[in-house]
Amino acid sequence: VSSTKINAVLRQLEISKLKGKEKTIIVSQ
């Protein structure tokens, strides 16, 4: 849906959802 890095982030969020909706922190400077 976006840049390579943003796509990778959204993919990780999908994985977290499948694992049981674990909470995630997204950090950027």
PDB file of all heavy atoms in Angstrom:
ATOM      1  N   VAL A   1       0.809  -1.215   0.000  1.00  0.00           N
ATOM      2  CA  VAL A   1       0.000   0.000   0.000  1.00  0.00           C
ATOM      3  C   VAL A   1       0.843   1.266   0.000  1.00  0.00           C
ATOM      4  O   VAL A   1       0.350   2.349  -0.269  1.00  0.00           O
ATOM      5  CB  VAL A   1      -0.954   0.040   1.219  1.00  0.00           C
ATOM      6  CG1 VAL A   1      -1.924  -1.119   1.182  1.00  0.00           C
ATOM      7  CG2 VAL A   1      -0.163   0.024   2.517  1.00  0.00           C
ATOM      8  N   SER A   2       2.141   1.144   0.310  1.00  0.00           N
ATOM      9  CA  SER A   2       2.959   2.350   0.440  1.00  0.00           C
ATOM     10  C   SER A   2       4.398   2.002   0.102  1.00  0.00           C
ATOM     11  O   SER A   2       4.662   1.191  -0.778  1.00  0.00           O
ATOM     12  CB  SER A   2       2.830   2.893   1.872  1.00  0.00           C
ATOM     13  OG  SER A   2       3.524   4.103   2.031  1.00  0.00           O
ATOM     14  N   SER A   3       5.364   2.614   0.813  1.00  0.00           N
ATOM     15  CA  SER A   3       6.776   2.350   0.574  1.00  0.00           C
ATOM     16  C   SER A   3       7.158   0.963   1.079  1.00  0.00           C
ATOM     17  O   SER A   3       6.417   0.322   1.818  1.00  0.00           O
ATOM     18  CB  SER A   3       7.630   3.406   1.279  1.00  0.00           C
ATOM     19  OG  SER A   3       7.561   3.222   2.681  1.00  0.00           O
ATOM     20  N   THR A   4       8.341   0.521   0.690  1.00  0.00           N
ATOM     21  CA  THR A   4       8.822  -0.796   1.111  1.00  0.00           C
ATOM     22  C   THR A   4       8.820  -0.923   2.626  1.00  0.00           C
ATOM     23  O   THR A   4       8.384  -1.932   3.180  1.00  0.00           O
ATOM     24  CB  THR A   4      10.250  -1.028   0.577  1.00  0.00           C
ATOM     25  OG1 THR A   4      10.233  -0.903  -0.837  1.00  0.00           O
ATOM     26  CG2 THR A   4      10.759  -2.407   0.957  1.00  0.00           C
ATOM     27  N   LYS A   5       9.313   0.087   3.317  1.00  0.00           N
ATOM     28  CA  LYS A   5       9.417   0.019   4.773  1.00  0.00           C
ATOM     29  C   LYS A   5       8.037   0.041   5.425  1.00  0.00           C
ATOM     30  O   LYS A   5       7.772  -0.726   6.363  1.00  0.00           O
ATOM     31  CB  LYS A   5      10.279   1.167   5.291  1.00  0.00           C
ATOM     32  CG  LYS A   5      10.619   1.065   6.764  1.00  0.00           C
ATOM     33  CD  LYS A   5      11.601   2.131   7.200  1.00  0.00           C
ATOM     34  CE  LYS A   5      13.000   1.859   6.710  1.00  0.00           C
ATOM     35  NZ  LYS A   5      14.012   2.733   7.343  1.00  0.00           N
ATOM     36  N   ILE A   6       7.143   0.898   4.945  1.00  0.00           N
ATOM     37  CA  ILE A   6       5.797   0.961   5.517  1.00  0.00           C
ATOM     38  C   ILE A   6       5.053  -0.348   5.265  1.00  0.00           C
ATOM     39  O   ILE A   6       4.329  -0.853   6.132  1.00  0.00           O
ATOM     40  CB  ILE A   6       5.005   2.145   4.940  1.00  0.00           C
ATOM     41  CG1 ILE A   6       5.706   3.471   5.284  1.00  0.00           C
ATOM     42  CG2 ILE A   6       3.583   2.150   5.481  1.00  0.00           C
ATOM     43  CD1 ILE A   6       5.871   3.718   6.757  1.00  0.00           C
ATOM     44  N   ASN A   7       5.241  -0.929   4.085  1.00  0.00           N
ATOM     45  CA  ASN A   7       4.625  -2.229   3.799  1.00  0.00           C
ATOM     46  C   ASN A   7       5.097  -3.281   4.797  1.00  0.00           C
ATOM     47  O   ASN A   7       4.324  -4.117   5.268  1.00  0.00           O
ATOM     48  CB  ASN A   7       4.961  -2.681   2.377  1.00  0.00           C
ATOM     49  CG  ASN A   7       4.240  -1.871   1.322  1.00  0.00           C
ATOM     50  OD1 ASN A   7       3.240  -1.215   1.609  1.00  0.00           O
ATOM     51  ND2 ASN A   7       4.741  -1.901   0.104  1.00  0.00           N
ATOM     52  N   ALA A   8       6.394  -3.260   5.117  1.00  0.00           N
ATOM     53  CA  ALA A   8       6.951  -4.231   6.064  1.00  0.00           C
ATOM     54  C   ALA A   8       6.345  -4.043   7.454  1.00  0.00           C
ATOM     55  O   ALA A   8       6.078  -5.015   8.163  1.00  0.00           O
ATOM     56  CB  ALA A   8       8.469  -4.090   6.119  1.00  0.00           C
ATOM     57  N   VAL A   9       6.113  -2.788   7.842  1.00  0.00           N
ATOM     58  CA  VAL A   9       5.492  -2.511   9.142  1.00  0.00           C
ATOM     59  C   VAL A   9       4.076  -3.063   9.186  1.00  0.00           C
ATOM     60  O   VAL A   9       3.677  -3.749  10.145  1.00  0.00           O
ATOM     61  CB  VAL A   9       5.476  -0.994   9.425  1.00  0.00           C
ATOM     62  CG1 VAL A   9       4.634  -0.689  10.662  1.00  0.00           C
ATOM     63  CG2 VAL A   9       6.885  -0.469   9.611  1.00  0.00           C
ATOM     64  N   LEU A  10       3.288  -2.793   8.154  1.00  0.00           N
ATOM     65  CA  LEU A  10       1.905  -3.263   8.123  1.00  0.00           C
ATOM     66  C   LEU A  10       1.843  -4.782   8.105  1.00  0.00           C
ATOM     67  O   LEU A  10       0.926  -5.385   8.676  1.00  0.00           O
ATOM     68  CB  LEU A  10       1.189  -2.680   6.901  1.00  0.00           C
ATOM     69  CG  LEU A  10       1.021  -1.154   6.909  1.00  0.00           C
ATOM     70  CD1 LEU A  10       0.363  -0.675   5.622  1.00  0.00           C
ATOM     71  CD2 LEU A  10       0.205  -0.704   8.111  1.00  0.00           C
ATOM     72  N   ARG A  11       2.825  -5.409   7.459  1.00  0.00           N
ATOM     73  CA  ARG A  11       2.863  -6.873   7.459  1.00  0.00           C
ATOM     74  C   ARG A  11       3.101  -7.398   8.871  1.00  0.00           C
ATOM     75  O   ARG A  11       2.475  -8.378   9.305  1.00  0.00           O
ATOM     76  CB  ARG A  11       3.971  -7.372   6.530  1.00  0.00           C
ATOM     77  CG  ARG A  11       4.098  -8.886   6.465  1.00  0.00           C
ATOM     78  CD  ARG A  11       5.179  -9.313   5.470  1.00  0.00           C
ATOM     79  NE  ARG A  11       5.264 -10.764   5.402  1.00  0.00           N
ATOM     80  CZ  ARG A  11       5.986 -11.524   6.225  1.00  0.00           C
ATOM     81  NH1 ARG A  11       6.689 -10.941   7.187  1.00  0.00           N
ATOM     82  NH2 ARG A  11       6.002 -12.835   6.094  1.00  0.00           N
ATOM     83  N   GLN A  12       3.983  -6.751   9.621  1.00  0.00           N
ATOM     84  CA  GLN A  12       4.236  -7.159  10.991  1.00  0.00           C
ATOM     85  C   GLN A  12       2.989  -6.997  11.869  1.00  0.00           C
ATOM     86  O   GLN A  12       2.733  -7.807  12.761  1.00  0.00           O
ATOM     87  CB  GLN A  12       5.397  -6.361  11.590  1.00  0.00           C
ATOM     88  CG  GLN A  12       6.766  -6.795  11.109  1.00  0.00           C
ATOM     89  CD  GLN A  12       7.098  -8.220  11.510  1.00  0.00           C
ATOM     90  OE1 GLN A  12       6.762  -8.666  12.604  1.00  0.00           O
ATOM     91  NE2 GLN A  12       7.764  -8.936  10.625  1.00  0.00           N
ATOM     92  N   LEU A  13       2.213  -5.965  11.599  1.00  0.00           N
ATOM     93  CA  LEU A  13       0.978  -5.768  12.359  1.00  0.00           C
ATOM     94  C   LEU A  13      -0.030  -6.867  12.060  1.00  0.00           C
ATOM     95  O   LEU A  13      -0.763  -7.323  12.958  1.00  0.00           O
ATOM     96  CB  LEU A  13       0.382  -4.392  12.032  1.00  0.00           C
ATOM     97  CG  LEU A  13       1.219  -3.181  12.463  1.00  0.00           C
ATOM     98  CD1 LEU A  13       0.515  -1.889  12.069  1.00  0.00           C
ATOM     99  CD2 LEU A  13       1.508  -3.196  13.955  1.00  0.00           C
ATOM    100  N   GLU A  14      -0.072  -7.301  10.809  1.00  0.00           N
ATOM    101  CA  GLU A  14      -0.957  -8.410  10.457  1.00  0.00           C
ATOM    102  C   GLU A  14      -0.527  -9.687  11.172  1.00  0.00           C
ATOM    103  O   GLU A  14      -1.364 -10.473  11.635  1.00  0.00           O
ATOM    104  CB  GLU A  14      -0.943  -8.625   8.937  1.00  0.00           C
ATOM    105  CG  GLU A  14      -1.664  -7.552   8.137  1.00  0.00           C
ATOM    106  CD  GLU A  14      -3.162  -7.557   8.438  1.00  0.00           C
ATOM    107  OE1 GLU A  14      -3.781  -8.634   8.393  1.00  0.00           O
ATOM    108  OE2 GLU A  14      -3.697  -6.479   8.768  1.00  0.00           O
ATOM    109  N   ILE A  15       0.783  -9.899  11.265  1.00  0.00           N
ATOM    110  CA  ILE A  15       1.292 -11.077  11.970  1.00  0.00           C
ATOM    111  C   ILE A  15       0.906 -11.009  13.453  1.00  0.00           C
ATOM    112  O   ILE A  15       0.477 -12.011  14.047  1.00  0.00           O
ATOM    113  CB  ILE A  15       2.823 -11.170  11.823  1.00  0.00           C
ATOM    114  CG1 ILE A  15       3.183 -11.508  10.366  1.00  0.00           C
ATOM    115  CG2 ILE A  15       3.405 -12.223  12.762  1.00  0.00           C
ATOM    116  CD1 ILE A  15       4.665 -11.482  10.074  1.00  0.00           C
ATOM    117  N   SER A  16       1.037  -9.819  14.053  1.00  0.00           N
ATOM    118  CA  SER A  16       0.659  -9.654  15.458  1.00  0.00           C
ATOM    119  C   SER A  16      -0.820  -9.947  15.668  1.00  0.00           C
ATOM    120  O   SER A  16      -1.209 -10.552  16.684  1.00  0.00           O
ATOM    121  CB  SER A  16       0.975  -8.223  15.922  1.00  0.00           C
ATOM    122  OG  SER A  16       2.359  -7.983  15.912  1.00  0.00           O
ATOM    123  N   LYS A  17      -1.649  -9.542  14.713  1.00  0.00           N
ATOM    124  CA  LYS A  17      -3.084  -9.798  14.825  1.00  0.00           C
ATOM    125  C   LYS A  17      -3.368 -11.296  14.818  1.00  0.00           C
ATOM    126  O   LYS A  17      -4.175 -11.801  15.598  1.00  0.00           O
ATOM    127  CB  LYS A  17      -3.821  -9.121  13.661  1.00  0.00           C
ATOM    128  CG  LYS A  17      -5.335  -9.268  13.738  1.00  0.00           C
ATOM    129  CD  LYS A  17      -6.002  -8.794  12.462  1.00  0.00           C
ATOM    130  CE  LYS A  17      -5.796  -7.319  12.230  1.00  0.00           C
ATOM    131  NZ  LYS A  17      -6.533  -6.834  11.037  1.00  0.00           N
ATOM    132  N   LEU A  18      -2.676 -12.025  13.948  1.00  0.00           N
ATOM    133  CA  LEU A  18      -2.877 -13.467  13.869  1.00  0.00           C
ATOM    134  C   LEU A  18      -2.376 -14.184  15.113  1.00  0.00           C
ATOM    135  O   LEU A  18      -2.862 -15.259  15.466  1.00  0.00           O
ATOM    136  CB  LEU A  18      -2.174 -14.025  12.628  1.00  0.00           C
ATOM    137  CG  LEU A  18      -2.754 -13.613  11.278  1.00  0.00           C
ATOM    138  CD1 LEU A  18      -1.908 -14.164  10.147  1.00  0.00           C
ATOM    139  CD2 LEU A  18      -4.198 -14.082  11.138  1.00  0.00           C
ATOM    140  N   LYS A  19      -1.383 -13.614  15.775  1.00  0.00           N
ATOM    141  CA  LYS A  19      -0.829 -14.238  16.981  1.00  0.00           C
ATOM    142  C   LYS A  19      -1.709 -14.034  18.213  1.00  0.00           C
ATOM    143  O   LYS A  19      -1.402 -14.545  19.278  1.00  0.00           O
ATOM    144  CB  LYS A  19       0.560 -13.669  17.271  1.00  0.00           C
ATOM    145  CG  LYS A  19       1.641 -14.187  16.338  1.00  0.00           C
ATOM    146  CD  LYS A  19       2.990 -13.623  16.748  1.00  0.00           C
ATOM    147  CE  LYS A  19       4.120 -14.183  15.904  1.00  0.00           C
ATOM    148  NZ  LYS A  19       5.433 -13.632  16.300  1.00  0.00           N
ATOM    149  N   GLY A  20      -2.774 -13.261  18.067  1.00  0.00           N
ATOM    150  CA  GLY A  20      -3.647 -13.027  19.215  1.00  0.00           C
ATOM    151  C   GLY A  20      -3.776 -11.579  19.593  1.00  0.00           C
ATOM    152  O   GLY A  20      -3.979 -11.251  20.762  1.00  0.00           O
ATOM    153  N   LYS A  21      -3.614 -10.704  18.608  1.00  0.00           N
ATOM    154  CA  LYS A  21      -3.790  -9.272  18.829  1.00  0.00           C
ATOM    155  C   LYS A  21      -2.814  -8.731  19.867  1.00  0.00           C
ATOM    156  O   LYS A  21      -3.186  -7.931  20.744  1.00  0.00           O
ATOM    157  CB  LYS A  21      -5.229  -8.962  19.232  1.00  0.00           C
ATOM    158  CG  LYS A  21      -6.251  -9.291  18.158  1.00  0.00           C
ATOM    159  CD  LYS A  21      -7.650  -8.875  18.556  1.00  0.00           C
ATOM    160  CE  LYS A  21      -8.656  -9.167  17.446  1.00  0.00           C
ATOM    161  NZ  LYS A  21     -10.028  -8.773  17.819  1.00  0.00           N
ATOM    162  N   GLU A  22      -1.548  -9.162  19.803  1.00  0.00           N
ATOM    163  CA  GLU A  22      -0.548  -8.638  20.720  1.00  0.00           C
ATOM    164  C   GLU A  22      -0.305  -7.157  20.439  1.00  0.00           C
ATOM    165  O   GLU A  22      -0.406  -6.694  19.305  1.00  0.00           O
ATOM    166  CB  GLU A  22       0.758  -9.420  20.590  1.00  0.00           C
ATOM    167  CG  GLU A  22       1.409  -9.323  19.226  1.00  0.00           C
ATOM    168  CD  GLU A  22       2.663 -10.178  19.123  1.00  0.00           C
ATOM    169  OE1 GLU A  22       2.837 -11.067  19.966  1.00  0.00           O
ATOM    170  OE2 GLU A  22       3.447  -9.955  18.194  1.00  0.00           O
ATOM    171  N   LYS A  23       0.023  -6.430  21.480  1.00  0.00           N
ATOM    172  CA  LYS A  23       0.221  -4.984  21.339  1.00  0.00           C
ATOM    173  C   LYS A  23       1.599  -4.690  20.760  1.00  0.00           C
ATOM    174  O   LYS A  23       2.581  -5.373  21.058  1.00  0.00           O
ATOM    175  CB  LYS A  23       0.042  -4.284  22.680  1.00  0.00           C
ATOM    176  CG  LYS A  23      -1.393  -4.322  23.190  1.00  0.00           C
ATOM    177  CD  LYS A  23      -1.613  -3.340  24.320  1.00  0.00           C
ATOM    178  CE  LYS A  23      -3.081  -3.308  24.725  1.00  0.00           C
ATOM    179  NZ  LYS A  23      -3.378  -2.259  25.717  1.00  0.00           N
ATOM    180  N   THR A  24       1.649  -3.629  19.941  1.00  0.00           N
ATOM    181  CA  THR A  24       2.871  -3.278  19.218  1.00  0.00           C
ATOM    182  C   THR A  24       3.158  -1.787  19.358  1.00  0.00           C
ATOM    183  O   THR A  24       2.233  -0.967  19.314  1.00  0.00           O
ATOM    184  CB  THR A  24       2.743  -3.633  17.726  1.00  0.00           C
ATOM    185  OG1 THR A  24       2.449  -5.026  17.595  1.00  0.00           O
ATOM    186  CG2 THR A  24       4.020  -3.305  16.964  1.00  0.00           C
ATOM    187  N   ILE A  25       4.438  -1.439  19.498  1.00  0.00           N
ATOM    188  CA  ILE A  25       4.867  -0.040  19.510  1.00  0.00           C
ATOM    189  C   ILE A  25       5.626   0.235  18.225  1.00  0.00           C
ATOM    190  O   ILE A  25       6.530  -0.517  17.853  1.00  0.00           O
ATOM    191  CB  ILE A  25       5.773   0.254  20.717  1.00  0.00           C
ATOM    192  CG1 ILE A  25       5.042  -0.070  22.013  1.00  0.00           C
ATOM    193  CG2 ILE A  25       6.216   1.714  20.718  1.00  0.00           C
ATOM    194  CD1 ILE A  25       5.915   0.069  23.264  1.00  0.00           C
ATOM    195  N   ILE A  26       5.252   1.295  17.517  1.00  0.00           N
ATOM    196  CA  ILE A  26       5.934   1.714  16.293  1.00  0.00           C
ATOM    197  C   ILE A  26       6.681   3.004  16.601  1.00  0.00           C
ATOM    198  O   ILE A  26       6.074   4.000  16.995  1.00  0.00           O
ATOM    199  CB  ILE A  26       4.937   1.925  15.145  1.00  0.00           C
ATOM    200  CG1 ILE A  26       4.184   0.627  14.859  1.00  0.00           C
ATOM    201  CG2 ILE A  26       5.655   2.411  13.888  1.00  0.00           C
ATOM    202  CD1 ILE A  26       3.088   0.782  13.818  1.00  0.00           C
ATOM    203  N   VAL A  27       8.000   2.987  16.422  1.00  0.00           N
ATOM    204  CA  VAL A  27       8.850   4.101  16.846  1.00  0.00           C
ATOM    205  C   VAL A  27       9.546   4.723  15.638  1.00  0.00           C
ATOM    206  O   VAL A  27      10.068   4.015  14.767  1.00  0.00           O
ATOM    207  CB  VAL A  27       9.913   3.631  17.861  1.00  0.00           C
ATOM    208  CG1 VAL A  27      10.751   4.812  18.345  1.00  0.00           C
ATOM    209  CG2 VAL A  27       9.269   2.919  19.031  1.00  0.00           C
ATOM    210  N   SER A  28       9.583   6.044  15.604  1.00  0.00           N
ATOM    211  CA  SER A  28      10.369   6.774  14.616  1.00  0.00           C
ATOM    212  C   SER A  28      10.851   8.072  15.240  1.00  0.00           C
ATOM    213  O   SER A  28      10.187   8.638  16.113  1.00  0.00           O
ATOM    214  CB  SER A  28       9.544   7.078  13.362  1.00  0.00           C
ATOM    215  OG  SER A  28      10.288   7.896  12.461  1.00  0.00           O
ATOM    216  N   GLN A  29      12.025   8.542  14.794  1.00  0.00           N
ATOM    217  CA  GLN A  29      12.506   9.840  15.277  1.00  0.00           C
ATOM    218  C   GLN A  29      11.862  10.984  14.498  1.00  0.00           C
ATOM    219  O   GLN A  29      12.045  12.157  14.838  1.00  0.00           O
ATOM    220  CB  GLN A  29      14.019   9.911  15.164  1.00  0.00           C
ATOM    221  CG  GLN A  29      14.574   9.683  13.775  1.00  0.00           C
ATOM    222  CD  GLN A  29      16.086   9.551  13.787  1.00  0.00           C
ATOM    223  OE1 GLN A  29      16.777  10.378  14.380  1.00  0.00           O
ATOM    224  NE2 GLN A  29      16.616   8.533  13.132  1.00  0.00           N
TER     225      GLN A  29
END
